[in-house]
Amino acid sequence: MPKPSDLLQGTLDLLILKTIAREPVHGWGIAKRIQLLSGDILSVGQGSLYPALHRLEQQGWIQADWKESDLGRAAKFYALTRDGRKQLERELRSWERLSSAVQLLIESA
C-alpha cells in the first residue's frame, strides 16, 4: 500500500487551496484540517507544506498575514487571492479529469 505522502504528489496545491478556500488558516491548521477531513488517511509534513505555501504565495494564489492564533501566539494565516480562486477551479477541473480517467481504467481492466 502506498504511503500517504506518495498520494499527495501532484495534488498538494489542490489540497491546500481547497483547505483555505473557506477561511484563512495558519500552516499547522492546514495540515490538521487535511488530516482530519481525510479521516487520518492523508498527512502533510512540514517539509512539504511550507515550501508549497511559499510557492503558492510567490505565484500570487495565496496571501499571508500575521494574526494571533487560538493559542495567543502570532501565526501566519494564509488566504486565497482572486487568482487563487481561479487556480483552485482549474485544479479541481484537472483533478476531476484525472480521477475520471483513472476510474475508467479501473472499471475496464
C-alpha atoms as a PDB file:
ATOM      1  CA  MET A   1       0.000   0.000   0.000  1.00  0.00           C
ATOM      2  CA  PRO A   2       1.401   3.438  -0.890  1.00  0.00           C
ATOM      3  CA  LYS A   3       2.363   5.853   1.856  1.00  0.00           C
ATOM      4  CA  PRO A   4       0.002   8.843   2.258  1.00  0.00           C
ATOM      5  CA  SER A   5       2.790  11.185   1.169  1.00  0.00           C
ATOM      6  CA  ASP A   6       3.020   9.324  -2.155  1.00  0.00           C
ATOM      7  CA  LEU A   7      -0.651  10.009  -2.776  1.00  0.00           C
ATOM      8  CA  LEU A   8      -0.135  13.731  -2.252  1.00  0.00           C
ATOM      9  CA  GLN A   9       2.427  14.039  -5.012  1.00  0.00           C
ATOM     10  CA  GLY A  10       0.910  16.385  -7.560  1.00  0.00           C
ATOM     11  CA  THR A  11      -2.216  17.137  -5.516  1.00  0.00           C
ATOM     12  CA  LEU A  12      -0.781  19.152  -2.643  1.00  0.00           C
ATOM     13  CA  ASP A  13      -1.564  22.519  -4.261  1.00  0.00           C
ATOM     14  CA  LEU A  14      -5.178  21.471  -4.753  1.00  0.00           C
ATOM     15  CA  LEU A  15      -5.487  20.276  -1.152  1.00  0.00           C
ATOM     16  CA  ILE A  16      -4.015  23.482   0.244  1.00  0.00           C
ATOM     17  CA  LEU A  17      -6.107  25.781  -1.956  1.00  0.00           C
ATOM     18  CA  LYS A  18      -9.286  23.863  -1.137  1.00  0.00           C
ATOM     19  CA  THR A  19      -8.485  23.845   2.575  1.00  0.00           C
ATOM     20  CA  ILE A  20      -8.104  27.618   2.810  1.00  0.00           C
ATOM     21  CA  ALA A  21     -10.961  28.437   0.409  1.00  0.00           C
ATOM     22  CA  ARG A  22     -13.444  28.792   3.270  1.00  0.00           C
ATOM     23  CA  GLU A  23     -11.379  30.924   5.634  1.00  0.00           C
ATOM     24  CA  PRO A  24      -7.775  31.940   6.326  1.00  0.00           C
ATOM     25  CA  VAL A  25      -5.835  29.250   8.191  1.00  0.00           C
ATOM     26  CA  HIS A  26      -2.310  29.006   9.584  1.00  0.00           C
ATOM     27  CA  GLY A  27       0.094  26.319   8.360  1.00  0.00           C
ATOM     28  CA  TRP A  28      -0.391  23.881  11.232  1.00  0.00           C
ATOM     29  CA  GLY A  29      -4.168  24.319  10.884  1.00  0.00           C
ATOM     30  CA  ILE A  30      -3.968  23.478   7.170  1.00  0.00           C
ATOM     31  CA  ALA A  31      -2.096  20.250   7.897  1.00  0.00           C
ATOM     32  CA  LYS A  32      -4.504  19.274  10.696  1.00  0.00           C
ATOM     33  CA  ARG A  33      -7.598  20.052   8.592  1.00  0.00           C
ATOM     34  CA  ILE A  34      -6.322  17.914   5.685  1.00  0.00           C
ATOM     35  CA  GLN A  35      -5.627  15.070   8.098  1.00  0.00           C
ATOM     36  CA  LEU A  36      -8.987  15.407   9.866  1.00  0.00           C
ATOM     37  CA  LEU A  37     -11.127  15.746   6.734  1.00  0.00           C
ATOM     38  CA  SER A  38      -9.392  12.772   5.098  1.00  0.00           C
ATOM     39  CA  GLY A  39     -10.146  10.544   8.075  1.00  0.00           C
ATOM     40  CA  ASP A  40      -6.452  10.437   9.061  1.00  0.00           C
ATOM     41  CA  ILE A  41      -5.513   8.926   5.691  1.00  0.00           C
ATOM     42  CA  LEU A  42      -3.619  11.953   4.369  1.00  0.00           C
ATOM     43  CA  SER A  43      -0.936  13.791   6.275  1.00  0.00           C
ATOM     44  CA  VAL A  44       1.208  16.660   5.099  1.00  0.00           C
ATOM     45  CA  GLY A  45       4.573  17.113   6.750  1.00  0.00           C
ATOM     46  CA  GLN A  46       6.153  20.486   7.376  1.00  0.00           C
ATOM     47  CA  GLY A  47       8.869  19.691   4.842  1.00  0.00           C
ATOM     48  CA  SER A  48       6.230  19.534   2.105  1.00  0.00           C
ATOM     49  CA  LEU A  49       3.671  22.029   3.409  1.00  0.00           C
ATOM     50  CA  TYR A  50       5.765  25.133   3.971  1.00  0.00           C
ATOM     51  CA  PRO A  51       7.651  25.029   0.659  1.00  0.00           C
ATOM     52  CA  ALA A  52       4.270  24.578  -1.082  1.00  0.00           C
ATOM     53  CA  LEU A  53       2.787  27.534   0.816  1.00  0.00           C
ATOM     54  CA  HIS A  54       5.788  29.653  -0.123  1.00  0.00           C
ATOM     55  CA  ARG A  55       5.468  28.629  -3.788  1.00  0.00           C
ATOM     56  CA  LEU A  56       1.710  29.354  -3.844  1.00  0.00           C
ATOM     57  CA  GLU A  57       2.344  32.749  -2.258  1.00  0.00           C
ATOM     58  CA  GLN A  58       5.032  33.555  -4.848  1.00  0.00           C
ATOM     59  CA  GLN A  59       2.596  32.634  -7.631  1.00  0.00           C
ATOM     60  CA  GLY A  60       0.062  35.074  -6.188  1.00  0.00           C
ATOM     61  CA  TRP A  61      -2.533  32.399  -5.416  1.00  0.00           C
ATOM     62  CA  ILE A  62      -2.444  32.897  -1.660  1.00  0.00           C
ATOM     63  CA  GLN A  63      -1.533  35.760   0.626  1.00  0.00           C
ATOM     64  CA  ALA A  64      -0.274  35.606   4.183  1.00  0.00           C
ATOM     65  CA  ASP A  65      -0.959  37.877   7.134  1.00  0.00           C
ATOM     66  CA  TRP A  66       0.334  37.618  10.679  1.00  0.00           C
ATOM     67  CA  LYS A  67      -2.503  37.255  13.205  1.00  0.00           C
ATOM     68  CA  GLU A  68      -2.975  35.900  16.681  1.00  0.00           C
ATOM     69  CA  SER A  69      -3.771  32.178  16.758  1.00  0.00           C
ATOM     70  CA  ASP A  70      -6.105  30.332  19.137  1.00  0.00           C
ATOM     71  CA  LEU A  71      -3.127  29.803  21.422  1.00  0.00           C
ATOM     72  CA  GLY A  72      -2.494  33.540  21.695  1.00  0.00           C
ATOM     73  CA  ARG A  73       0.665  33.412  19.589  1.00  0.00           C
ATOM     74  CA  ALA A  74       1.336  35.181  16.335  1.00  0.00           C
ATOM     75  CA  ALA A  75       0.956  32.889  13.332  1.00  0.00           C
ATOM     76  CA  LYS A  76       0.978  33.379   9.589  1.00  0.00           C
ATOM     77  CA  PHE A  77      -2.568  32.890   8.260  1.00  0.00           C
ATOM     78  CA  TYR A  78      -2.991  32.026   4.583  1.00  0.00           C
ATOM     79  CA  ALA A  79      -5.945  33.091   2.435  1.00  0.00           C
ATOM     80  CA  LEU A  80      -6.849  32.694  -1.232  1.00  0.00           C
ATOM     81  CA  THR A  81      -6.445  35.626  -3.572  1.00  0.00           C
ATOM     82  CA  ARG A  82      -8.750  36.241  -6.537  1.00  0.00           C
ATOM     83  CA  ASP A  83      -6.179  34.499  -8.762  1.00  0.00           C
ATOM     84  CA  GLY A  84      -6.031  31.701  -6.210  1.00  0.00           C
ATOM     85  CA  ARG A  85      -9.771  31.083  -6.528  1.00  0.00           C
ATOM     86  CA  LYS A  86      -9.362  30.845 -10.308  1.00  0.00           C
ATOM     87  CA  GLN A  87      -6.443  28.448  -9.868  1.00  0.00           C
ATOM     88  CA  LEU A  88      -8.496  26.335  -7.453  1.00  0.00           C
ATOM     89  CA  GLU A  89     -11.165  25.968 -10.125  1.00  0.00           C
ATOM     90  CA  ARG A  90      -8.534  24.920 -12.671  1.00  0.00           C
ATOM     91  CA  GLU A  91      -7.040  22.439 -10.202  1.00  0.00           C
ATOM     92  CA  LEU A  92     -10.485  20.978  -9.456  1.00  0.00           C
ATOM     93  CA  ARG A  93     -11.267  20.536 -13.154  1.00  0.00           C
ATOM     94  CA  SER A  94      -7.891  18.881 -13.693  1.00  0.00           C
ATOM     95  CA  TRP A  95      -8.431  16.568 -10.707  1.00  0.00           C
ATOM     96  CA  GLU A  96     -11.888  15.596 -11.978  1.00  0.00           C
ATOM     97  CA  ARG A  97     -10.460  14.727 -15.422  1.00  0.00           C
ATOM     98  CA  LEU A  98      -7.622  12.711 -13.891  1.00  0.00           C
ATOM     99  CA  SER A  99      -9.793  10.845 -11.397  1.00  0.00           C
ATOM    100  CA  SER A 100     -12.374  10.077 -14.122  1.00  0.00           C
ATOM    101  CA  ALA A 101      -9.652   8.669 -16.368  1.00  0.00           C
ATOM    102  CA  VAL A 102      -8.286   6.520 -13.546  1.00  0.00           C
ATOM    103  CA  GLN A 103     -11.820   5.297 -12.769  1.00  0.00           C
ATOM    104  CA  LEU A 104     -12.334   4.347 -16.441  1.00  0.00           C
ATOM    105  CA  LEU A 105      -9.112   2.341 -16.401  1.00  0.00           C
ATOM    106  CA  ILE A 106     -10.053   0.565 -13.192  1.00  0.00           C
ATOM    107  CA  GLU A 107     -13.509  -0.333 -14.458  1.00  0.00           C
ATOM    108  CA  SER A 108     -12.272  -1.591 -17.819  1.00  0.00           C
ATOM    109  CA  ALA A 109      -9.397  -3.708 -16.520  1.00  0.00           C
END
